[in-house]
Amino acid sequence: MSAANLLTQLSDLGDRAAAEADRITGALGAIKTLILETFGPNGLIAAYFVVAVLALVIAWHLTKITFAALKYLVVPAIALALLLSFVLPYSFVNLFPATVVGCSLVLLAKG
């Protein structure tokens, strides 16, 4: 692949990304205009608060899911595989997938 061809592909990719960003920004601008026309500046401030609260709630739930996965999946799977590798004639690398599956089922049942 020549450098000119690669540069052309990168330029095309950049143009498509810019067009997509412009489309999304245009939609957001239209929503902002609609809120301003319907509810005024106070409605726009309320909409900003709603979006901020929703973003915080989503971030909080993602954080909780991450820590639950660490608590009920990653740490126990590593510990079980390590302990079983001392007891059984299999290596850690062979036992780890099985312990991940078992701990995944526990996490799934835990909900």
PDB file of N, CA and C in Angstrom:
ATOM      1  N   MET A   1       0.859  -1.172   0.000  1.00  0.00           N
ATOM      2  CA  MET A   1       0.000   0.000   0.000  1.00  0.00           C
ATOM      3  C   MET A   1       0.906   1.235   0.000  1.00  0.00           C
ATOM      4  N   SER A   2       0.667   2.125  -0.947  1.00  0.00           N
ATOM      5  CA  SER A   2       1.516   3.298  -1.063  1.00  0.00           C
ATOM      6  C   SER A   2       1.120   4.356  -0.044  1.00  0.00           C
ATOM      7  N   ALA A   3       2.029   5.268   0.195  1.00  0.00           N
ATOM      8  CA  ALA A   3       1.783   6.333   1.166  1.00  0.00           C
ATOM      9  C   ALA A   3       0.673   7.262   0.681  1.00  0.00           C
ATOM     10  N   ALA A   4       0.610   7.502  -0.620  1.00  0.00           N
ATOM     11  CA  ALA A   4      -0.433   8.372  -1.162  1.00  0.00           C
ATOM     12  C   ALA A   4      -1.809   7.733  -1.002  1.00  0.00           C
ATOM     13  N   ASN A   5      -1.901   6.420  -1.217  1.00  0.00           N
ATOM     14  CA  ASN A   5      -3.159   5.714  -1.051  1.00  0.00           C
ATOM     15  C   ASN A   5      -3.600   5.737   0.413  1.00  0.00           C
ATOM     16  N   LEU A   6      -2.643   5.524   1.317  1.00  0.00           N
ATOM     17  CA  LEU A   6      -2.944   5.565   2.744  1.00  0.00           C
ATOM     18  C   LEU A   6      -3.389   6.959   3.162  1.00  0.00           C
ATOM     19  N   LEU A   7      -2.735   7.973   2.642  1.00  0.00           N
ATOM     20  CA  LEU A   7      -3.105   9.349   2.954  1.00  0.00           C
ATOM     21  C   LEU A   7      -4.500   9.672   2.425  1.00  0.00           C
ATOM     22  N   THR A   8      -4.840   9.172   1.259  1.00  0.00           N
ATOM     23  CA  THR A   8      -6.175   9.382   0.703  1.00  0.00           C
ATOM     24  C   THR A   8      -7.237   8.698   1.559  1.00  0.00           C
ATOM     25  N   GLN A   9      -6.962   7.471   2.001  1.00  0.00           N
ATOM     26  CA  GLN A   9      -7.914   6.752   2.848  1.00  0.00           C
ATOM     27  C   GLN A   9      -8.098   7.470   4.191  1.00  0.00           C
ATOM     28  N   LEU A  10      -7.006   7.951   4.764  1.00  0.00           N
ATOM     29  CA  LEU A  10      -7.109   8.689   6.024  1.00  0.00           C
ATOM     30  C   LEU A  10      -7.886   9.985   5.849  1.00  0.00           C
ATOM     31  N   SER A  11      -7.691  10.653   4.723  1.00  0.00           N
ATOM     32  CA  SER A  11      -8.431  11.881   4.446  1.00  0.00           C
ATOM     33  C   SER A  11      -9.921  11.595   4.300  1.00  0.00           C
ATOM     34  N   ASP A  12     -10.255  10.514   3.593  1.00  0.00           N
ATOM     35  CA  ASP A  12     -11.661  10.134   3.436  1.00  0.00           C
ATOM     36  C   ASP A  12     -12.285   9.772   4.779  1.00  0.00           C
ATOM     37  N   LEU A  13     -11.539   9.053   5.599  1.00  0.00           N
ATOM     38  CA  LEU A  13     -12.035   8.689   6.927  1.00  0.00           C
ATOM     39  C   LEU A  13     -12.263   9.928   7.783  1.00  0.00           C
ATOM     40  N   GLY A  14     -11.350  10.888   7.703  1.00  0.00           N
ATOM     41  CA  GLY A  14     -11.516  12.142   8.435  1.00  0.00           C
ATOM     42  C   GLY A  14     -12.729  12.922   7.961  1.00  0.00           C
ATOM     43  N   ASP A  15     -12.951  12.944   6.668  1.00  0.00           N
ATOM     44  CA  ASP A  15     -14.113  13.645   6.121  1.00  0.00           C
ATOM     45  C   ASP A  15     -15.420  12.997   6.573  1.00  0.00           C
ATOM     46  N   ARG A  16     -15.456  11.659   6.581  1.00  0.00           N
ATOM     47  CA  ARG A  16     -16.666  10.970   7.041  1.00  0.00           C
ATOM     48  C   ARG A  16     -16.913  11.204   8.524  1.00  0.00           C
ATOM     49  N   ALA A  17     -15.843  11.217   9.322  1.00  0.00           N
ATOM     50  CA  ALA A  17     -15.991  11.474  10.755  1.00  0.00           C
ATOM     51  C   ALA A  17     -16.479  12.895  10.994  1.00  0.00           C
ATOM     52  N   ALA A  18     -15.964  13.845  10.221  1.00  0.00           N
ATOM     53  CA  ALA A  18     -16.410  15.230  10.363  1.00  0.00           C
ATOM     54  C   ALA A  18     -17.866  15.389   9.961  1.00  0.00           C
ATOM     55  N   ALA A  19     -18.280  14.698   8.913  1.00  0.00           N
ATOM     56  CA  ALA A  19     -19.687  14.765   8.483  1.00  0.00           C
ATOM     57  C   ALA A  19     -20.598  14.161   9.547  1.00  0.00           C
ATOM     58  N   GLU A  20     -20.184  13.053  10.146  1.00  0.00           N
ATOM     59  CA  GLU A  20     -20.989  12.418  11.199  1.00  0.00           C
ATOM     60  C   GLU A  20     -21.073  13.316  12.432  1.00  0.00           C
ATOM     61  N   ALA A  21     -19.966  13.937  12.817  1.00  0.00           N
ATOM     62  CA  ALA A  21     -19.977  14.853  13.957  1.00  0.00           C
ATOM     63  C   ALA A  21     -20.864  16.059  13.674  1.00  0.00           C
ATOM     64  N   ASP A  22     -20.835  16.549  12.445  1.00  0.00           N
ATOM     65  CA  ASP A  22     -21.690  17.674  12.072  1.00  0.00           C
ATOM     66  C   ASP A  22     -23.162  17.277  12.119  1.00  0.00           C
ATOM     67  N   ARG A  23     -23.477  16.049  11.707  1.00  0.00           N
ATOM     68  CA  ARG A  23     -24.854  15.571  11.755  1.00  0.00           C
ATOM     69  C   ARG A  23     -25.346  15.483  13.197  1.00  0.00           C
ATOM     70  N   ILE A  24     -24.514  14.937  14.085  1.00  0.00           N
ATOM     71  CA  ILE A  24     -24.895  14.807  15.490  1.00  0.00           C
ATOM     72  C   ILE A  24     -25.028  16.177  16.131  1.00  0.00           C
ATOM     73  N   THR A  25     -24.073  17.060  15.856  1.00  0.00           N
ATOM     74  CA  THR A  25     -24.124  18.406  16.408  1.00  0.00           C
ATOM     75  C   THR A  25     -25.332  19.165  15.894  1.00  0.00           C
ATOM     76  N   GLY A  26     -25.665  18.954  14.631  1.00  0.00           N
ATOM     77  CA  GLY A  26     -26.848  19.601  14.075  1.00  0.00           C
ATOM     78  C   GLY A  26     -28.118  19.131  14.757  1.00  0.00           C
ATOM     79  N   ALA A  27     -28.188  17.832  15.069  1.00  0.00           N
ATOM     80  CA  ALA A  27     -29.356  17.300  15.773  1.00  0.00           C
ATOM     81  C   ALA A  27     -29.429  17.881  17.177  1.00  0.00           C
ATOM     82  N   LEU A  28     -28.293  17.986  17.846  1.00  0.00           N
ATOM     83  CA  LEU A  28     -28.287  18.574  19.187  1.00  0.00           C
ATOM     84  C   LEU A  28     -28.668  20.052  19.151  1.00  0.00           C
ATOM     85  N   GLY A  29     -28.218  20.737  18.115  1.00  0.00           N
ATOM     86  CA  GLY A  29     -28.594  22.137  17.964  1.00  0.00           C
ATOM     87  C   GLY A  29     -30.087  22.297  17.741  1.00  0.00           C
ATOM     88  N   ALA A  30     -30.671  21.376  16.973  1.00  0.00           N
ATOM     89  CA  ALA A  30     -32.111  21.421  16.735  1.00  0.00           C
ATOM     90  C   ALA A  30     -32.885  21.146  18.018  1.00  0.00           C
ATOM     91  N   ILE A  31     -32.407  20.207  18.817  1.00  0.00           N
ATOM     92  CA  ILE A  31     -33.059  19.918  20.093  1.00  0.00           C
ATOM     93  C   ILE A  31     -32.953  21.115  21.029  1.00  0.00           C
ATOM     94  N   LYS A  32     -31.800  21.750  21.052  1.00  0.00           N
ATOM     95  CA  LYS A  32     -31.604  22.929  21.900  1.00  0.00           C
ATOM     96  C   LYS A  32     -32.549  24.054  21.479  1.00  0.00           C
ATOM     97  N   THR A  33     -32.669  24.259  20.176  1.00  0.00           N
ATOM     98  CA  THR A  33     -33.571  25.301  19.675  1.00  0.00           C
ATOM     99  C   THR A  33     -35.016  24.984  20.036  1.00  0.00           C
ATOM    100  N   LEU A  34     -35.414  23.720  19.905  1.00  0.00           N
ATOM    101  CA  LEU A  34     -36.769  23.313  20.257  1.00  0.00           C
ATOM    102  C   LEU A  34     -37.056  23.552  21.732  1.00  0.00           C
ATOM    103  N   ILE A  35     -36.115  23.203  22.601  1.00  0.00           N
ATOM    104  CA  ILE A  35     -36.309  23.423  24.045  1.00  0.00           C
ATOM    105  C   ILE A  35     -36.385  24.909  24.350  1.00  0.00           C
ATOM    106  N   LEU A  36     -35.518  25.699  23.716  1.00  0.00           N
ATOM    107  CA  LEU A  36     -35.546  27.145  23.954  1.00  0.00           C
ATOM    108  C   LEU A  36     -36.865  27.762  23.496  1.00  0.00           C
ATOM    109  N   GLU A  37     -37.376  27.330  22.342  1.00  0.00           N
ATOM    110  CA  GLU A  37     -38.634  27.886  21.834  1.00  0.00           C
ATOM    111  C   GLU A  37     -39.822  27.456  22.679  1.00  0.00           C
ATOM    112  N   THR A  38     -39.793  26.231  23.168  1.00  0.00           N
ATOM    113  CA  THR A  38     -40.934  25.703  23.912  1.00  0.00           C
ATOM    114  C   THR A  38     -40.924  26.125  25.371  1.00  0.00           C
ATOM    115  N   PHE A  39     -39.779  25.993  26.037  1.00  0.00           N
ATOM    116  CA  PHE A  39     -39.718  26.205  27.477  1.00  0.00           C
ATOM    117  C   PHE A  39     -38.890  27.400  27.905  1.00  0.00           C
ATOM    118  N   GLY A  40     -38.141  27.989  27.002  1.00  0.00           N
ATOM    119  CA  GLY A  40     -37.336  29.159  27.338  1.00  0.00           C
ATOM    120  C   GLY A  40     -36.008  28.763  27.981  1.00  0.00           C
ATOM    121  N   PRO A  41     -35.272  29.769  28.470  1.00  0.00           N
ATOM    122  CA  PRO A  41     -33.947  29.510  29.052  1.00  0.00           C
ATOM    123  C   PRO A  41     -34.006  28.621  30.295  1.00  0.00           C
ATOM    124  N   ASN A  42     -35.066  28.775  31.105  1.00  0.00           N
ATOM    125  CA  ASN A  42     -35.174  27.930  32.291  1.00  0.00           C
ATOM    126  C   ASN A  42     -35.361  26.457  31.915  1.00  0.00           C
ATOM    127  N   GLY A  43     -36.080  26.189  30.856  1.00  0.00           N
ATOM    128  CA  GLY A  43     -36.240  24.827  30.373  1.00  0.00           C
ATOM    129  C   GLY A  43     -34.932  24.240  29.866  1.00  0.00           C
ATOM    130  N   LEU A  44     -34.106  25.095  29.238  1.00  0.00           N
ATOM    131  CA  LEU A  44     -32.808  24.631  28.757  1.00  0.00           C
ATOM    132  C   LEU A  44     -31.898  24.285  29.934  1.00  0.00           C
ATOM    133  N   ILE A  45     -31.929  25.109  30.965  1.00  0.00           N
ATOM    134  CA  ILE A  45     -31.138  24.808  32.163  1.00  0.00           C
ATOM    135  C   ILE A  45     -31.622  23.523  32.803  1.00  0.00           C
ATOM    136  N   ALA A  46     -32.928  23.314  32.862  1.00  0.00           N
ATOM    137  CA  ALA A  46     -33.477  22.080  33.417  1.00  0.00           C
ATOM    138  C   ALA A  46     -33.065  20.873  32.574  1.00  0.00           C
ATOM    139  N   ALA A  47     -33.059  21.028  31.265  1.00  0.00           N
ATOM    140  CA  ALA A  47     -32.640  19.931  30.386  1.00  0.00           C
ATOM    141  C   ALA A  47     -31.167  19.596  30.611  1.00  0.00           C
ATOM    142  N   TYR A  48     -30.326  20.628  30.806  1.00  0.00           N
ATOM    143  CA  TYR A  48     -28.915  20.375  31.115  1.00  0.00           C
ATOM    144  C   TYR A  48     -28.775  19.600  32.416  1.00  0.00           C
ATOM    145  N   PHE A  49     -29.559  19.953  33.429  1.00  0.00           N
ATOM    146  CA  PHE A  49     -29.507  19.240  34.699  1.00  0.00           C
ATOM    147  C   PHE A  49     -29.951  17.781  34.528  1.00  0.00           C
ATOM    148  N   VAL A  50     -31.000  17.569  33.762  1.00  0.00           N
ATOM    149  CA  VAL A  50     -31.491  16.203  33.533  1.00  0.00           C
ATOM    150  C   VAL A  50     -30.422  15.365  32.843  1.00  0.00           C
ATOM    151  N   VAL A  51     -29.781  15.918  31.831  1.00  0.00           N
ATOM    152  CA  VAL A  51     -28.739  15.185  31.115  1.00  0.00           C
ATOM    153  C   VAL A  51     -27.557  14.906  32.039  1.00  0.00           C
ATOM    154  N   ALA A  52     -27.191  15.885  32.871  1.00  0.00           N
ATOM    155  CA  ALA A  52     -26.076  15.688  33.801  1.00  0.00           C
ATOM    156  C   ALA A  52     -26.403  14.606  34.827  1.00  0.00           C
ATOM    157  N   VAL A  53     -27.618  14.619  35.362  1.00  0.00           N
ATOM    158  CA  VAL A  53     -28.012  13.607  36.343  1.00  0.00           C
ATOM    159  C   VAL A  53     -28.052  12.223  35.697  1.00  0.00           C
ATOM    160  N   LEU A  54     -28.587  12.122  34.489  1.00  0.00           N
ATOM    161  CA  LEU A  54     -28.601  10.834  33.793  1.00  0.00           C
ATOM    162  C   LEU A  54     -27.187  10.318  33.537  1.00  0.00           C
ATOM    163  N   ALA A  55     -26.274  11.212  33.170  1.00  0.00           N
ATOM    164  CA  ALA A  55     -24.889  10.806  32.949  1.00  0.00           C
ATOM    165  C   ALA A  55     -24.259  10.317  34.250  1.00  0.00           C
ATOM    166  N   LEU A  56     -24.543  10.994  35.347  1.00  0.00           N
ATOM    167  CA  LEU A  56     -24.003  10.561  36.639  1.00  0.00           C
ATOM    168  C   LEU A  56     -24.588   9.213  37.065  1.00  0.00           C
ATOM    169  N   VAL A  57     -25.877   9.005  36.853  1.00  0.00           N
ATOM    170  CA  VAL A  57     -26.498   7.730  37.209  1.00  0.00           C
ATOM    171  C   VAL A  57     -25.902   6.599  36.384  1.00  0.00           C
ATOM    172  N   ILE A  58     -25.720   6.824  35.101  1.00  0.00           N
ATOM    173  CA  ILE A  58     -25.129   5.802  34.242  1.00  0.00           C
ATOM    174  C   ILE A  58     -23.693   5.506  34.667  1.00  0.00           C
ATOM    175  N   ALA A  59     -22.923   6.559  34.958  1.00  0.00           N
ATOM    176  CA  ALA A  59     -21.543   6.360  35.408  1.00  0.00           C
ATOM    177  C   ALA A  59     -21.505   5.604  36.735  1.00  0.00           C
ATOM    178  N   TRP A  60     -22.433   5.910  37.650  1.00  0.00           N
ATOM    179  CA  TRP A  60     -22.478   5.233  38.935  1.00  0.00           C
ATOM    180  C   TRP A  60     -22.782   3.745  38.763  1.00  0.00           C
ATOM    181  N   HIS A  61     -23.742   3.426  37.905  1.00  0.00           N
ATOM    182  CA  HIS A  61     -24.089   2.027  37.684  1.00  0.00           C
ATOM    183  C   HIS A  61     -22.955   1.269  36.996  1.00  0.00           C
ATOM    184  N   LEU A  62     -22.283   1.908  36.068  1.00  0.00           N
ATOM    185  CA  LEU A  62     -21.134   1.262  35.428  1.00  0.00           C
ATOM    186  C   LEU A  62     -20.019   1.005  36.431  1.00  0.00           C
ATOM    187  N   THR A  63     -19.826   1.935  37.364  1.00  0.00           N
ATOM    188  CA  THR A  63     -18.821   1.749  38.404  1.00  0.00           C
ATOM    189  C   THR A  63     -19.198   0.586  39.311  1.00  0.00           C
ATOM    190  N   LYS A  64     -20.475   0.503  39.689  1.00  0.00           N
ATOM    191  CA  LYS A  64     -20.923  -0.595  40.532  1.00  0.00           C
ATOM    192  C   LYS A  64     -20.757  -1.938  39.830  1.00  0.00           C
ATOM    193  N   ILE A  65     -21.061  -1.992  38.545  1.00  0.00           N
ATOM    194  CA  ILE A  65     -20.913  -3.227  37.786  1.00  0.00           C
ATOM    195  C   ILE A  65     -19.432  -3.621  37.715  1.00  0.00           C
ATOM    196  N   THR A  66     -18.564  -2.640  37.523  1.00  0.00           N
ATOM    197  CA  THR A  66     -17.133  -2.914  37.441  1.00  0.00           C
ATOM    198  C   THR A  66     -16.611  -3.488  38.746  1.00  0.00           C
ATOM    199  N   PHE A  67     -16.984  -2.872  39.879  1.00  0.00           N
ATOM    200  CA  PHE A  67     -16.506  -3.370  41.162  1.00  0.00           C
ATOM    201  C   PHE A  67     -17.125  -4.721  41.512  1.00  0.00           C
ATOM    202  N   ALA A  68     -18.368  -4.963  41.104  1.00  0.00           N
ATOM    203  CA  ALA A  68     -18.970  -6.277  41.325  1.00  0.00           C
ATOM    204  C   ALA A  68     -18.237  -7.336  40.513  1.00  0.00           C
ATOM    205  N   ALA A  69     -17.857  -7.007  39.306  1.00  0.00           N
ATOM    206  CA  ALA A  69     -17.108  -7.962  38.486  1.00  0.00           C
ATOM    207  C   ALA A  69     -15.751  -8.251  39.105  1.00  0.00           C
ATOM    208  N   LEU A  70     -15.107  -7.233  39.638  1.00  0.00           N
ATOM    209  CA  LEU A  70     -13.829  -7.459  40.311  1.00  0.00           C
ATOM    210  C   LEU A  70     -14.010  -8.305  41.565  1.00  0.00           C
ATOM    211  N   LYS A  71     -15.048  -7.992  42.343  1.00  0.00           N
ATOM    212  CA  LYS A  71     -15.268  -8.651  43.625  1.00  0.00           C
ATOM    213  C   LYS A  71     -15.715 -10.101  43.467  1.00  0.00           C
ATOM    214  N   TYR A  72     -16.603 -10.364  42.525  1.00  0.00           N
ATOM    215  CA  TYR A  72     -17.183 -11.687  42.397  1.00  0.00           C
ATOM    216  C   TYR A  72     -16.636 -12.507  41.232  1.00  0.00           C
ATOM    217  N   LEU A  73     -15.801 -11.917  40.381  1.00  0.00           N
ATOM    218  CA  LEU A  73     -15.328 -12.655  39.216  1.00  0.00           C
ATOM    219  C   LEU A  73     -13.811 -12.717  39.144  1.00  0.00           C
ATOM    220  N   VAL A  74     -13.166 -11.576  39.084  1.00  0.00           N
ATOM    221  CA  VAL A  74     -11.732 -11.552  38.811  1.00  0.00           C
ATOM    222  C   VAL A  74     -10.926 -12.093  39.983  1.00  0.00           C
ATOM    223  N   VAL A  75     -11.124 -11.512  41.162  1.00  0.00           N
ATOM    224  CA  VAL A  75     -10.334 -11.924  42.329  1.00  0.00           C
ATOM    225  C   VAL A  75     -10.602 -13.378  42.711  1.00  0.00           C
ATOM    226  N   PRO A  76     -11.875 -13.814  42.822  1.00  0.00           N
ATOM    227  CA  PRO A  76     -12.086 -15.224  43.161  1.00  0.00           C
ATOM    228  C   PRO A  76     -11.580 -16.199  42.095  1.00  0.00           C
ATOM    229  N   ALA A  77     -11.706 -15.834  40.828  1.00  0.00           N
ATOM    230  CA  ALA A  77     -11.243 -16.730  39.768  1.00  0.00           C
ATOM    231  C   ALA A  77      -9.731 -16.911  39.832  1.00  0.00           C
ATOM    232  N   ILE A  78      -9.015 -15.832  40.065  1.00  0.00           N
ATOM    233  CA  ILE A  78      -7.556 -15.933  40.178  1.00  0.00           C
ATOM    234  C   ILE A  78      -7.176 -16.733  41.417  1.00  0.00           C
ATOM    235  N   ALA A  79      -7.847 -16.452  42.537  1.00  0.00           N
ATOM    236  CA  ALA A  79      -7.526 -17.173  43.778  1.00  0.00           C
ATOM    237  C   ALA A  79      -7.838 -18.659  43.647  1.00  0.00           C
ATOM    238  N   LEU A  80      -8.992 -19.000  43.094  1.00  0.00           N
ATOM    239  CA  LEU A  80      -9.351 -20.411  42.920  1.00  0.00           C
ATOM    240  C   LEU A  80      -8.389 -21.129  41.982  1.00  0.00           C
ATOM    241  N   ALA A  81      -8.036 -20.491  40.892  1.00  0.00           N
ATOM    242  CA  ALA A  81      -7.115 -21.120  39.951  1.00  0.00           C
ATOM    243  C   ALA A  81      -5.752 -21.329  40.598  1.00  0.00           C
ATOM    244  N   LEU A  82      -5.326 -20.376  41.393  1.00  0.00           N
ATOM    245  CA  LEU A  82      -4.038 -20.512  42.072  1.00  0.00           C
ATOM    246  C   LEU A  82      -4.078 -21.650  43.095  1.00  0.00           C
ATOM    247  N   LEU A  83      -5.141 -21.688  43.899  1.00  0.00           N
ATOM    248  CA  LEU A  83      -5.264 -22.759  44.898  1.00  0.00           C
ATOM    249  C   LEU A  83      -5.402 -24.133  44.242  1.00  0.00           C
ATOM    250  N   LEU A  84      -6.216 -24.218  43.213  1.00  0.00           N
ATOM    251  CA  LEU A  84      -6.409 -25.502  42.539  1.00  0.00           C
ATOM    252  C   LEU A  84      -5.155 -25.965  41.814  1.00  0.00           C
ATOM    253  N   SER A  85      -4.320 -25.025  41.370  1.00  0.00           N
ATOM    254  CA  SER A  85      -3.086 -25.429  40.696  1.00  0.00           C
ATOM    255  C   SER A  85      -2.113 -26.085  41.669  1.00  0.00           C
ATOM    256  N   PHE A  86      -2.241 -25.785  42.960  1.00  0.00           N
ATOM    257  CA  PHE A  86      -1.404 -26.461  43.951  1.00  0.00           C
ATOM    258  C   PHE A  86      -1.939 -27.851  44.270  1.00  0.00           C
ATOM    259  N   VAL A  87      -3.255 -28.025  44.217  1.00  0.00           N
ATOM    260  CA  VAL A  87      -3.883 -29.290  44.601  1.00  0.00           C
ATOM    261  C   VAL A  87      -3.972 -30.256  43.426  1.00  0.00           C
ATOM    262  N   LEU A  88      -4.365 -29.761  42.275  1.00  0.00           N
ATOM    263  CA  LEU A  88      -4.570 -30.611  41.101  1.00  0.00           C
ATOM    264  C   LEU A  88      -3.313 -30.635  40.233  1.00  0.00           C
ATOM    265  N   PRO A  89      -3.194 -31.611  39.371  1.00  0.00           N
ATOM    266  CA  PRO A  89      -1.998 -31.683  38.517  1.00  0.00           C
ATOM    267  C   PRO A  89      -2.061 -30.761  37.288  1.00  0.00           C
ATOM    268  N   TYR A  90      -2.980 -29.816  37.275  1.00  0.00           N
ATOM    269  CA  TYR A  90      -3.112 -28.899  36.139  1.00  0.00           C
ATOM    270  C   TYR A  90      -2.441 -27.571  36.476  1.00  0.00           C
ATOM    271  N   SER A  91      -2.027 -26.872  35.449  1.00  0.00           N
ATOM    272  CA  SER A  91      -1.377 -25.584  35.673  1.00  0.00           C
ATOM    273  C   SER A  91      -2.420 -24.477  35.844  1.00  0.00           C
ATOM    274  N   PHE A  92      -1.959 -23.337  36.303  1.00  0.00           N
ATOM    275  CA  PHE A  92      -2.818 -22.166  36.496  1.00  0.00           C
ATOM    276  C   PHE A  92      -3.490 -21.773  35.192  1.00  0.00           C
ATOM    277  N   VAL A  93      -2.730 -21.829  34.115  1.00  0.00           N
ATOM    278  CA  VAL A  93      -3.231 -21.419  32.803  1.00  0.00           C
ATOM    279  C   VAL A  93      -4.372 -22.329  32.345  1.00  0.00           C
ATOM    280  N   ASN A  94      -4.302 -23.605  32.678  1.00  0.00           N
ATOM    281  CA  ASN A  94      -5.367 -24.531  32.289  1.00  0.00           C
ATOM    282  C   ASN A  94      -6.587 -24.398  33.185  1.00  0.00           C
ATOM    283  N   LEU A  95      -6.393 -24.050  34.443  1.00  0.00           N
ATOM    284  CA  LEU A  95      -7.502 -23.957  35.382  1.00  0.00           C
ATOM    285  C   LEU A  95      -8.225 -22.618  35.329  1.00  0.00           C
ATOM    286  N   PHE A  96      -7.534 -21.585  34.931  1.00  0.00           N
ATOM    287  CA  PHE A  96      -8.114 -20.238  34.987  1.00  0.00           C
ATOM    288  C   PHE A  96      -9.406 -20.099  34.177  1.00  0.00           C
ATOM    289  N   PRO A  97      -9.496 -20.606  32.942  1.00  0.00           N
ATOM    290  CA  PRO A  97     -10.775 -20.475  32.217  1.00  0.00           C
ATOM    291  C   PRO A  97     -11.942 -21.159  32.930  1.00  0.00           C
ATOM    292  N   ALA A  98     -11.680 -22.303  33.523  1.00  0.00           N
ATOM    293  CA  ALA A  98     -12.749 -23.007  34.234  1.00  0.00           C
ATOM    294  C   ALA A  98     -13.194 -22.234  35.470  1.00  0.00           C
ATOM    295  N   THR A  99     -12.254 -21.651  36.190  1.00  0.00           N
ATOM    296  CA  THR A  99     -12.636 -20.876  37.375  1.00  0.00           C
ATOM    297  C   THR A  99     -13.352 -19.591  36.982  1.00  0.00           C
ATOM    298  N   VAL A 100     -12.998 -19.013  35.857  1.00  0.00           N
ATOM    299  CA  VAL A 100     -13.709 -17.821  35.385  1.00  0.00           C
ATOM    300  C   VAL A 100     -15.155 -18.168  35.052  1.00  0.00           C
ATOM    301  N   VAL A 101     -15.361 -19.308  34.421  1.00  0.00           N
ATOM    302  CA  VAL A 101     -16.725 -19.744  34.104  1.00  0.00           C
ATOM    303  C   VAL A 101     -17.520 -19.961  35.380  1.00  0.00           C
ATOM    304  N   GLY A 102     -16.925 -20.657  36.351  1.00  0.00           N
ATOM    305  CA  GLY A 102     -17.616 -20.903  37.612  1.00  0.00           C
ATOM    306  C   GLY A 102     -17.946 -19.620  38.351  1.00  0.00           C
ATOM    307  N   CYS A 103     -17.004 -18.706  38.407  1.00  0.00           N
ATOM    308  CA  CYS A 103     -17.256 -17.430  39.088  1.00  0.00           C
ATOM    309  C   CYS A 103     -18.235 -16.565  38.301  1.00  0.00           C
ATOM    310  N   SER A 104     -18.256 -16.707  36.985  1.00  0.00           N
ATOM    311  CA  SER A 104     -19.241 -15.980  36.177  1.00  0.00           C
ATOM    312  C   SER A 104     -20.649 -16.450  36.494  1.00  0.00           C
ATOM    313  N   LEU A 105     -20.800 -17.740  36.685  1.00  0.00           N
ATOM    314  CA  LEU A 105     -22.112 -18.263  37.064  1.00  0.00           C
ATOM    315  C   LEU A 105     -22.534 -17.751  38.431  1.00  0.00           C
ATOM    316  N   VAL A 106     -21.587 -17.646  39.355  1.00  0.00           N
ATOM    317  CA  VAL A 106     -21.890 -17.094  40.673  1.00  0.00           C
ATOM    318  C   VAL A 106     -22.318 -15.628  40.539  1.00  0.00           C
ATOM    319  N   LEU A 107     -21.587 -14.878  39.741  1.00  0.00           N
ATOM    320  CA  LEU A 107     -21.929 -13.470  39.526  1.00  0.00           C
ATOM    321  C   LEU A 107     -23.289 -13.339  38.860  1.00  0.00           C
ATOM    322  N   LEU A 108     -23.589 -14.202  37.915  1.00  0.00           N
ATOM    323  CA  LEU A 108     -24.880 -14.175  37.251  1.00  0.00           C
ATOM    324  C   LEU A 108     -26.009 -14.506  38.214  1.00  0.00           C
ATOM    325  N   ALA A 109     -25.790 -15.478  39.079  1.00  0.00           N
ATOM    326  CA  ALA A 109     -26.809 -15.842  40.076  1.00  0.00           C
ATOM    327  C   ALA A 109     -26.969 -14.745  41.120  1.00  0.00           C
ATOM    328  N   LYS A 110     -25.873 -14.068  41.428  1.00  0.00           N
ATOM    329  CA  LYS A 110     -25.913 -12.988  42.422  1.00  0.00           C
ATOM    330  C   LYS A 110     -26.771 -11.827  41.920  1.00  0.00           C
ATOM    331  N   GLY A 111     -26.742 -11.596  40.619  1.00  0.00           N
ATOM    332  CA  GLY A 111     -27.588 -10.573  40.007  1.00  0.00           C
ATOM    333  C   GLY A 111     -27.033  -9.251  40.180  1.00  0.00           C
TER     334      GLY A 111
END
